[in-house]
């Protein structure tokens, strides 16, 4: 996994046998759009949770994945987790 933004930390995990993929994104900067790429073709949707100074693991809208790519809005100074939908 490659994370190429200032003030971002992005570990990712994949359970290939179970078909579950997870990315955790710590954004220590301003709000921004992020492109997540490299998901297998069978991943079509992600669930998203956000934690920040006012929210604790609040679930957000589901995110479509097309051609292995998803666009995610990262809120300022937040921790975002996305997990593939089975």
PDB file of N, CA and C in Angstrom:
ATOM      1  N   UNK A   1       0.847  -1.176   0.000  1.00  0.00           N
ATOM      2  CA  UNK A   1       0.000   0.000   0.000  1.00  0.00           C
ATOM      3  C   UNK A   1       0.885   1.229   0.000  1.00  0.00           C
ATOM      4  N   UNK A   2       0.480   2.232  -0.750  1.00  0.00           N
ATOM      5  CA  UNK A   2       1.208   3.486  -0.831  1.00  0.00           C
ATOM      6  C   UNK A   2       0.310   4.598  -0.327  1.00  0.00           C
ATOM      7  N   UNK A   3       0.860   5.439   0.515  1.00  0.00           N
ATOM      8  CA  UNK A   3       0.127   6.589   1.048  1.00  0.00           C
ATOM      9  C   UNK A   3       0.969   7.809   0.713  1.00  0.00           C
ATOM     10  N   UNK A   4       0.488   8.655  -0.200  1.00  0.00           N
ATOM     11  CA  UNK A   4       1.353   9.719  -0.693  1.00  0.00           C
ATOM     12  C   UNK A   4       0.771  11.118  -0.482  1.00  0.00           C
ATOM     13  N   UNK A   5       0.347  11.395   0.727  1.00  0.00           N
ATOM     14  CA  UNK A   5      -0.133  12.732   1.042  1.00  0.00           C
ATOM     15  C   UNK A   5       0.501  13.226   2.326  1.00  0.00           C
ATOM     16  N   UNK A   6       0.730  14.533   2.384  1.00  0.00           N
ATOM     17  CA  UNK A   6       1.272  15.107   3.614  1.00  0.00           C
ATOM     18  C   UNK A   6       0.276  14.923   4.750  1.00  0.00           C
ATOM     19  N   UNK A   7       0.776  14.610   5.921  1.00  0.00           N
ATOM     20  CA  UNK A   7      -0.034  14.436   7.129  1.00  0.00           C
ATOM     21  C   UNK A   7      -1.028  13.277   7.037  1.00  0.00           C
ATOM     22  N   UNK A   8      -0.707  12.262   6.241  1.00  0.00           N
ATOM     23  CA  UNK A   8      -1.554  11.070   6.133  1.00  0.00           C
ATOM     24  C   UNK A   8      -0.772   9.833   6.564  1.00  0.00           C
ATOM     25  N   UNK A   9      -1.460   8.920   7.247  1.00  0.00           N
ATOM     26  CA  UNK A   9      -0.934   7.600   7.559  1.00  0.00           C
ATOM     27  C   UNK A   9      -2.006   6.614   7.136  1.00  0.00           C
ATOM     28  N   UNK A  10      -1.624   5.579   6.374  1.00  0.00           N
ATOM     29  CA  UNK A  10      -2.638   4.719   5.750  1.00  0.00           C
ATOM     30  C   UNK A  10      -2.260   3.243   5.748  1.00  0.00           C
ATOM     31  N   UNK A  11      -2.435   2.517   6.821  1.00  0.00           N
ATOM     32  CA  UNK A  11      -2.221   1.068   6.740  1.00  0.00           C
ATOM     33  C   UNK A  11      -3.422   0.382   6.088  1.00  0.00           C
ATOM     34  N   UNK A  12      -3.159  -0.662   5.348  1.00  0.00           N
ATOM     35  CA  UNK A  12      -4.222  -1.432   4.715  1.00  0.00           C
ATOM     36  C   UNK A  12      -4.021  -2.913   4.989  1.00  0.00           C
ATOM     37  N   UNK A  13      -5.122  -3.647   5.018  1.00  0.00           N
ATOM     38  CA  UNK A  13      -5.083  -5.075   5.315  1.00  0.00           C
ATOM     39  C   UNK A  13      -6.003  -5.806   4.351  1.00  0.00           C
ATOM     40  N   UNK A  14      -5.596  -6.990   3.917  1.00  0.00           N
ATOM     41  CA  UNK A  14      -6.432  -7.785   3.028  1.00  0.00           C
ATOM     42  C   UNK A  14      -6.508  -9.226   3.473  1.00  0.00           C
ATOM     43  N   UNK A  15      -7.727  -9.736   3.562  1.00  0.00           N
ATOM     44  CA  UNK A  15      -7.977 -11.157   3.803  1.00  0.00           C
ATOM     45  C   UNK A  15      -8.447 -11.721   2.471  1.00  0.00           C
ATOM     46  N   UNK A  16      -7.496 -12.145   1.655  1.00  0.00           N
ATOM     47  CA  UNK A  16      -7.809 -12.585   0.299  1.00  0.00           C
ATOM     48  C   UNK A  16      -8.771 -13.764   0.316  1.00  0.00           C
ATOM     49  N   UNK A  17      -8.552 -14.730   1.185  1.00  0.00           N
ATOM     50  CA  UNK A  17      -9.423 -15.910   1.247  1.00  0.00           C
ATOM     51  C   UNK A  17     -10.845 -15.522   1.646  1.00  0.00           C
ATOM     52  N   UNK A  18     -10.984 -14.573   2.567  1.00  0.00           N
ATOM     53  CA  UNK A  18     -12.304 -14.146   3.018  1.00  0.00           C
ATOM     54  C   UNK A  18     -12.903 -13.022   2.194  1.00  0.00           C
ATOM     55  N   UNK A  19     -12.082 -12.410   1.326  1.00  0.00           N
ATOM     56  CA  UNK A  19     -12.564 -11.335   0.475  1.00  0.00           C
ATOM     57  C   UNK A  19     -12.869 -10.042   1.224  1.00  0.00           C
ATOM     58  N   UNK A  20     -12.155  -9.807   2.320  1.00  0.00           N
ATOM     59  CA  UNK A  20     -12.383  -8.598   3.126  1.00  0.00           C
ATOM     60  C   UNK A  20     -11.132  -7.730   3.069  1.00  0.00           C
ATOM     61  N   UNK A  21     -11.331  -6.461   2.743  1.00  0.00           N
ATOM     62  CA  UNK A  21     -10.222  -5.518   2.621  1.00  0.00           C
ATOM     63  C   UNK A  21     -10.529  -4.302   3.474  1.00  0.00           C
ATOM     64  N   UNK A  22      -9.524  -3.858   4.238  1.00  0.00           N
ATOM     65  CA  UNK A  22      -9.702  -2.759   5.189  1.00  0.00           C
ATOM     66  C   UNK A  22      -8.576  -1.751   5.011  1.00  0.00           C
ATOM     67  N   UNK A  23      -8.941  -0.465   5.050  1.00  0.00           N
ATOM     68  CA  UNK A  23      -7.946   0.609   5.025  1.00  0.00           C
ATOM     69  C   UNK A  23      -8.272   1.567   6.161  1.00  0.00           C
ATOM     70  N   UNK A  24      -7.275   1.884   6.965  1.00  0.00           N
ATOM     71  CA  UNK A  24      -7.394   2.884   8.027  1.00  0.00           C
ATOM     72  C   UNK A  24      -6.621   4.114   7.561  1.00  0.00           C
ATOM     73  N   UNK A  25      -7.235   5.280   7.684  1.00  0.00           N
ATOM     74  CA  UNK A  25      -6.585   6.506   7.217  1.00  0.00           C
ATOM     75  C   UNK A  25      -6.600   7.534   8.335  1.00  0.00           C
ATOM     76  N   UNK A  26      -5.419   7.937   8.777  1.00  0.00           N
ATOM     77  CA  UNK A  26      -5.302   9.013   9.755  1.00  0.00           C
ATOM     78  C   UNK A  26      -4.942  10.273   8.969  1.00  0.00           C
ATOM     79  N   UNK A  27      -5.824  11.261   9.042  1.00  0.00           N
ATOM     80  CA  UNK A  27      -5.604  12.532   8.369  1.00  0.00           C
ATOM     81  C   UNK A  27      -5.303  13.586   9.430  1.00  0.00           C
ATOM     82  N   UNK A  28      -4.053  13.973   9.551  1.00  0.00           N
ATOM     83  CA  UNK A  28      -3.644  14.995  10.518  1.00  0.00           C
ATOM     84  C   UNK A  28      -3.575  16.377   9.874  1.00  0.00           C
ATOM     85  N   UNK A  29      -4.316  16.581   8.807  1.00  0.00           N
ATOM     86  CA  UNK A  29      -4.308  17.861   8.100  1.00  0.00           C
ATOM     87  C   UNK A  29      -5.719  18.321   7.789  1.00  0.00           C
ATOM     88  N   UNK A  30      -5.820  19.170   6.773  1.00  0.00           N
ATOM     89  CA  UNK A  30      -7.107  19.726   6.337  1.00  0.00           C
ATOM     90  C   UNK A  30      -7.946  18.649   5.659  1.00  0.00           C
ATOM     91  N   UNK A  31      -9.238  18.921   5.516  1.00  0.00           N
ATOM     92  CA  UNK A  31     -10.099  17.980   4.806  1.00  0.00           C
ATOM     93  C   UNK A  31      -9.645  17.902   3.351  1.00  0.00           C
ATOM     94  N   UNK A  32      -9.847  16.730   2.731  1.00  0.00           N
ATOM     95  CA  UNK A  32      -9.372  16.511   1.369  1.00  0.00           C
ATOM     96  C   UNK A  32     -10.041  15.290   0.772  1.00  0.00           C
ATOM     97  N   UNK A  33      -9.969  15.186  -0.529  1.00  0.00           N
ATOM     98  CA  UNK A  33     -10.412  13.992  -1.235  1.00  0.00           C
ATOM     99  C   UNK A  33      -9.240  13.024  -1.310  1.00  0.00           C
ATOM    100  N   UNK A  34      -9.533  11.746  -1.237  1.00  0.00           N
ATOM    101  CA  UNK A  34      -8.495  10.722  -1.361  1.00  0.00           C
ATOM    102  C   UNK A  34      -8.969   9.665  -2.344  1.00  0.00           C
ATOM    103  N   UNK A  35      -8.058   9.178  -3.145  1.00  0.00           N
ATOM    104  CA  UNK A  35      -8.342   8.081  -4.070  1.00  0.00           C
ATOM    105  C   UNK A  35      -7.718   6.814  -3.500  1.00  0.00           C
ATOM    106  N   UNK A  36      -8.541   5.791  -3.318  1.00  0.00           N
ATOM    107  CA  UNK A  36      -8.070   4.482  -2.860  1.00  0.00           C
ATOM    108  C   UNK A  36      -8.110   3.564  -4.072  1.00  0.00           C
ATOM    109  N   UNK A  37      -6.985   2.989  -4.426  1.00  0.00           N
ATOM    110  CA  UNK A  37      -6.919   2.149  -5.617  1.00  0.00           C
ATOM    111  C   UNK A  37      -6.354   0.775  -5.290  1.00  0.00           C
ATOM    112  N   UNK A  38      -6.576  -0.158  -6.202  1.00  0.00           N
ATOM    113  CA  UNK A  38      -6.005  -1.491  -6.064  1.00  0.00           C
ATOM    114  C   UNK A  38      -6.936  -2.537  -5.485  1.00  0.00           C
ATOM    115  N   UNK A  39      -8.214  -2.195  -5.328  1.00  0.00           N
ATOM    116  CA  UNK A  39      -9.161  -3.195  -4.832  1.00  0.00           C
ATOM    117  C   UNK A  39      -9.420  -4.229  -5.927  1.00  0.00           C
ATOM    118  N   UNK A  40      -9.626  -5.498  -5.551  1.00  0.00           N
ATOM    119  CA  UNK A  40      -9.952  -6.521  -6.546  1.00  0.00           C
ATOM    120  C   UNK A  40     -11.285  -6.200  -7.235  1.00  0.00           C
ATOM    121  N   UNK A  41     -11.488  -6.780  -8.410  1.00  0.00           N
ATOM    122  CA  UNK A  41     -12.687  -6.513  -9.214  1.00  0.00           C
ATOM    123  C   UNK A  41     -13.988  -6.868  -8.494  1.00  0.00           C
ATOM    124  N   UNK A  42     -13.944  -7.827  -7.570  1.00  0.00           N
ATOM    125  CA  UNK A  42     -15.178  -8.230  -6.885  1.00  0.00           C
ATOM    126  C   UNK A  42     -15.574  -7.275  -5.759  1.00  0.00           C
ATOM    127  N   UNK A  43     -14.741  -6.291  -5.442  1.00  0.00           N
ATOM    128  CA  UNK A  43     -15.093  -5.293  -4.429  1.00  0.00           C
ATOM    129  C   UNK A  43     -15.811  -4.153  -5.134  1.00  0.00           C
ATOM    130  N   UNK A  44     -17.083  -3.952  -4.794  1.00  0.00           N
ATOM    131  CA  UNK A  44     -17.893  -2.934  -5.452  1.00  0.00           C
ATOM    132  C   UNK A  44     -18.383  -1.839  -4.506  1.00  0.00           C
ATOM    133  N   UNK A  45     -18.181  -2.046  -3.188  1.00  0.00           N
ATOM    134  CA  UNK A  45     -18.686  -1.070  -2.224  1.00  0.00           C
ATOM    135  C   UNK A  45     -17.885  -1.156  -0.929  1.00  0.00           C
ATOM    136  N   UNK A  46     -17.723   0.001  -0.281  1.00  0.00           N
ATOM    137  CA  UNK A  46     -17.035   0.075   1.005  1.00  0.00           C
ATOM    138  C   UNK A  46     -17.966   0.677   2.049  1.00  0.00           C
ATOM    139  N   UNK A  47     -17.861   0.181   3.270  1.00  0.00           N
ATOM    140  CA  UNK A  47     -18.502   0.841   4.412  1.00  0.00           C
ATOM    141  C   UNK A  47     -17.463   1.749   5.034  1.00  0.00           C
ATOM    142  N   UNK A  48     -17.906   2.884   5.599  1.00  0.00           N
ATOM    143  CA  UNK A  48     -16.973   3.860   6.136  1.00  0.00           C
ATOM    144  C   UNK A  48     -17.385   4.286   7.539  1.00  0.00           C
ATOM    145  N   UNK A  49     -16.374   4.419   8.423  1.00  0.00           N
ATOM    146  CA  UNK A  49     -16.567   4.941   9.775  1.00  0.00           C
ATOM    147  C   UNK A  49     -15.569   6.063  10.009  1.00  0.00           C
ATOM    148  N   UNK A  50     -15.996   7.109  10.739  1.00  0.00           N
ATOM    149  CA  UNK A  50     -15.126   8.261  11.010  1.00  0.00           C
ATOM    150  C   UNK A  50     -15.094   8.530  12.509  1.00  0.00           C
ATOM    151  N   UNK A  51     -13.885   8.800  13.006  1.00  0.00           N
ATOM    152  CA  UNK A  51     -13.681   9.228  14.391  1.00  0.00           C
ATOM    153  C   UNK A  51     -12.917  10.543  14.355  1.00  0.00           C
ATOM    154  N   UNK A  52     -13.413  11.519  15.122  1.00  0.00           N
ATOM    155  CA  UNK A  52     -12.705  12.791  15.277  1.00  0.00           C
ATOM    156  C   UNK A  52     -13.063  13.367  16.643  1.00  0.00           C
ATOM    157  N   UNK A  53     -12.854  14.647  16.843  1.00  0.00           N
ATOM    158  CA  UNK A  53     -13.087  15.245  18.164  1.00  0.00           C
ATOM    159  C   UNK A  53     -14.559  15.267  18.575  1.00  0.00           C
ATOM    160  N   UNK A  54     -15.478  15.073  17.628  1.00  0.00           N
ATOM    161  CA  UNK A  54     -16.907  15.096  17.968  1.00  0.00           C
ATOM    162  C   UNK A  54     -17.628  13.787  17.649  1.00  0.00           C
ATOM    163  N   UNK A  55     -16.982  12.887  16.928  1.00  0.00           N
ATOM    164  CA  UNK A  55     -17.618  11.617  16.539  1.00  0.00           C
ATOM    165  C   UNK A  55     -16.738  10.450  16.937  1.00  0.00           C
ATOM    166  N   UNK A  56     -17.378   9.383  17.348  1.00  0.00           N
ATOM    167  CA  UNK A  56     -16.661   8.162  17.685  1.00  0.00           C
ATOM    168  C   UNK A  56     -17.188   7.014  16.856  1.00  0.00           C
ATOM    169  N   UNK A  57     -16.429   6.605  15.854  1.00  0.00           N
ATOM    170  CA  UNK A  57     -16.811   5.520  14.952  1.00  0.00           C
ATOM    171  C   UNK A  57     -18.213   5.720  14.388  1.00  0.00           C
ATOM    172  N   UNK A  58     -18.481   6.898  13.881  1.00  0.00           N
ATOM    173  CA  UNK A  58     -19.774   7.190  13.271  1.00  0.00           C
ATOM    174  C   UNK A  58     -19.766   6.663  11.842  1.00  0.00           C
ATOM    175  N   UNK A  59     -20.770   5.847  11.526  1.00  0.00           N
ATOM    176  CA  UNK A  59     -20.817   5.278  10.183  1.00  0.00           C
ATOM    177  C   UNK A  59     -21.315   6.319   9.193  1.00  0.00           C
ATOM    178  N   UNK A  60     -20.627   6.400   8.067  1.00  0.00           N
ATOM    179  CA  UNK A  60     -21.007   7.336   7.012  1.00  0.00           C
ATOM    180  C   UNK A  60     -21.655   6.603   5.862  1.00  0.00           C
ATOM    181  N   UNK A  61     -21.848   7.331   4.792  1.00  0.00           N
ATOM    182  CA  UNK A  61     -22.449   6.759   3.587  1.00  0.00           C
ATOM    183  C   UNK A  61     -21.521   5.713   2.987  1.00  0.00           C
ATOM    184  N   UNK A  62     -22.120   4.741   2.333  1.00  0.00           N
ATOM    185  CA  UNK A  62     -21.310   3.728   1.648  1.00  0.00           C
ATOM    186  C   UNK A  62     -20.660   4.348   0.422  1.00  0.00           C
ATOM    187  N   UNK A  63     -19.511   3.797   0.053  1.00  0.00           N
ATOM    188  CA  UNK A  63     -18.699   4.353  -1.016  1.00  0.00           C
ATOM    189  C   UNK A  63     -18.619   3.342  -2.158  1.00  0.00           C
ATOM    190  N   UNK A  64     -18.992   3.743  -3.374  1.00  0.00           N
ATOM    191  CA  UNK A  64     -18.872   2.819  -4.504  1.00  0.00           C
ATOM    192  C   UNK A  64     -17.413   2.617  -4.913  1.00  0.00           C
ATOM    193  N   UNK A  65     -17.120   1.420  -5.383  1.00  0.00           N
ATOM    194  CA  UNK A  65     -15.796   1.089  -5.919  1.00  0.00           C
ATOM    195  C   UNK A  65     -16.000   0.690  -7.375  1.00  0.00           C
ATOM    196  N   UNK A  66     -15.307   1.363  -8.280  1.00  0.00           N
ATOM    197  CA  UNK A  66     -15.428   1.077  -9.707  1.00  0.00           C
ATOM    198  C   UNK A  66     -14.033   0.863 -10.279  1.00  0.00           C
ATOM    199  N   UNK A  67     -13.848  -0.262 -10.923  1.00  0.00           N
ATOM    200  CA  UNK A  67     -12.540  -0.544 -11.510  1.00  0.00           C
ATOM    201  C   UNK A  67     -11.421  -0.578 -10.492  1.00  0.00           C
ATOM    202  N   UNK A  68     -11.741  -1.006  -9.264  1.00  0.00           N
ATOM    203  CA  UNK A  68     -10.736  -1.105  -8.210  1.00  0.00           C
ATOM    204  C   UNK A  68     -10.427   0.195  -7.513  1.00  0.00           C
ATOM    205  N   UNK A  69     -11.191   1.273  -7.813  1.00  0.00           N
ATOM    206  CA  UNK A  69     -10.901   2.598  -7.263  1.00  0.00           C
ATOM    207  C   UNK A  69     -12.111   3.180  -6.543  1.00  0.00           C
ATOM    208  N   UNK A  70     -11.836   3.833  -5.401  1.00  0.00           N
ATOM    209  CA  UNK A  70     -12.886   4.517  -4.631  1.00  0.00           C
ATOM    210  C   UNK A  70     -12.405   5.918  -4.291  1.00  0.00           C
ATOM    211  N   UNK A  71     -13.323   6.868  -4.271  1.00  0.00           N
ATOM    212  CA  UNK A  71     -13.033   8.244  -3.872  1.00  0.00           C
ATOM    213  C   UNK A  71     -13.642   8.466  -2.492  1.00  0.00           C
ATOM    214  N   UNK A  72     -12.821   8.947  -1.549  1.00  0.00           N
ATOM    215  CA  UNK A  72     -13.257   9.128  -0.166  1.00  0.00           C
ATOM    216  C   UNK A  72     -12.966  10.563   0.270  1.00  0.00           C
ATOM    217  N   UNK A  73     -13.938  11.207   0.913  1.00  0.00           N
ATOM    218  CA  UNK A  73     -13.700  12.527   1.486  1.00  0.00           C
ATOM    219  C   UNK A  73     -13.192  12.318   2.906  1.00  0.00           C
ATOM    220  N   UNK A  74     -11.993  12.836   3.178  1.00  0.00           N
ATOM    221  CA  UNK A  74     -11.408  12.747   4.509  1.00  0.00           C
ATOM    222  C   UNK A  74     -11.647  14.061   5.234  1.00  0.00           C
ATOM    223  N   UNK A  75     -12.293  13.994   6.380  1.00  0.00           N
ATOM    224  CA  UNK A  75     -12.512  15.192   7.176  1.00  0.00           C
ATOM    225  C   UNK A  75     -11.200  15.606   7.838  1.00  0.00           C
ATOM    226  N   UNK A  76     -11.096  16.893   8.183  1.00  0.00           N
ATOM    227  CA  UNK A  76      -9.889  17.408   8.824  1.00  0.00           C
ATOM    228  C   UNK A  76      -9.652  16.696  10.154  1.00  0.00           C
ATOM    229  N   UNK A  77      -8.400  16.423  10.444  1.00  0.00           N
ATOM    230  CA  UNK A  77      -7.962  15.827  11.700  1.00  0.00           C
ATOM    231  C   UNK A  77      -8.897  14.691  12.121  1.00  0.00           C
ATOM    232  N   UNK A  78      -8.909  13.649  11.317  1.00  0.00           N
ATOM    233  CA  UNK A  78      -9.837  12.546  11.549  1.00  0.00           C
ATOM    234  C   UNK A  78      -9.170  11.195  11.309  1.00  0.00           C
ATOM    235  N   UNK A  79      -9.850  10.156  11.784  1.00  0.00           N
ATOM    236  CA  UNK A  79      -9.439   8.762  11.588  1.00  0.00           C
ATOM    237  C   UNK A  79     -10.588   8.103  10.843  1.00  0.00           C
ATOM    238  N   UNK A  80     -10.326   7.632   9.637  1.00  0.00           N
ATOM    239  CA  UNK A  80     -11.359   7.031   8.805  1.00  0.00           C
ATOM    240  C   UNK A  80     -11.008   5.574   8.547  1.00  0.00           C
ATOM    241  N   UNK A  81     -11.984   4.703   8.651  1.00  0.00           N
ATOM    242  CA  UNK A  81     -11.810   3.297   8.332  1.00  0.00           C
ATOM    243  C   UNK A  81     -12.797   2.925   7.240  1.00  0.00           C
ATOM    244  N   UNK A  82     -12.325   2.241   6.203  1.00  0.00           N
ATOM    245  CA  UNK A  82     -13.215   1.699   5.174  1.00  0.00           C
ATOM    246  C   UNK A  82     -12.997   0.192   5.114  1.00  0.00           C
ATOM    247  N   UNK A  83     -14.100  -0.534   4.976  1.00  0.00           N
ATOM    248  CA  UNK A  83     -14.060  -2.003   4.902  1.00  0.00           C
ATOM    249  C   UNK A  83     -14.937  -2.439   3.744  1.00  0.00           C
ATOM    250  N   UNK A  84     -14.428  -3.359   2.950  1.00  0.00           N
ATOM    251  CA  UNK A  84     -15.194  -3.839   1.791  1.00  0.00           C
ATOM    252  C   UNK A  84     -16.467  -4.551   2.252  1.00  0.00           C
ATOM    253  N   UNK A  85     -17.498  -4.408   1.428  1.00  0.00           N
ATOM    254  CA  UNK A  85     -18.779  -5.070   1.680  1.00  0.00           C
ATOM    255  C   UNK A  85     -18.733  -6.412   0.969  1.00  0.00           C
ATOM    256  N   UNK A  86     -19.130  -7.473   1.649  1.00  0.00           N
ATOM    257  CA  UNK A  86     -19.101  -8.817   1.069  1.00  0.00           C
ATOM    258  C   UNK A  86     -20.349  -9.086   0.286  1.00  0.00           C
TER     259      UNK A  86
END
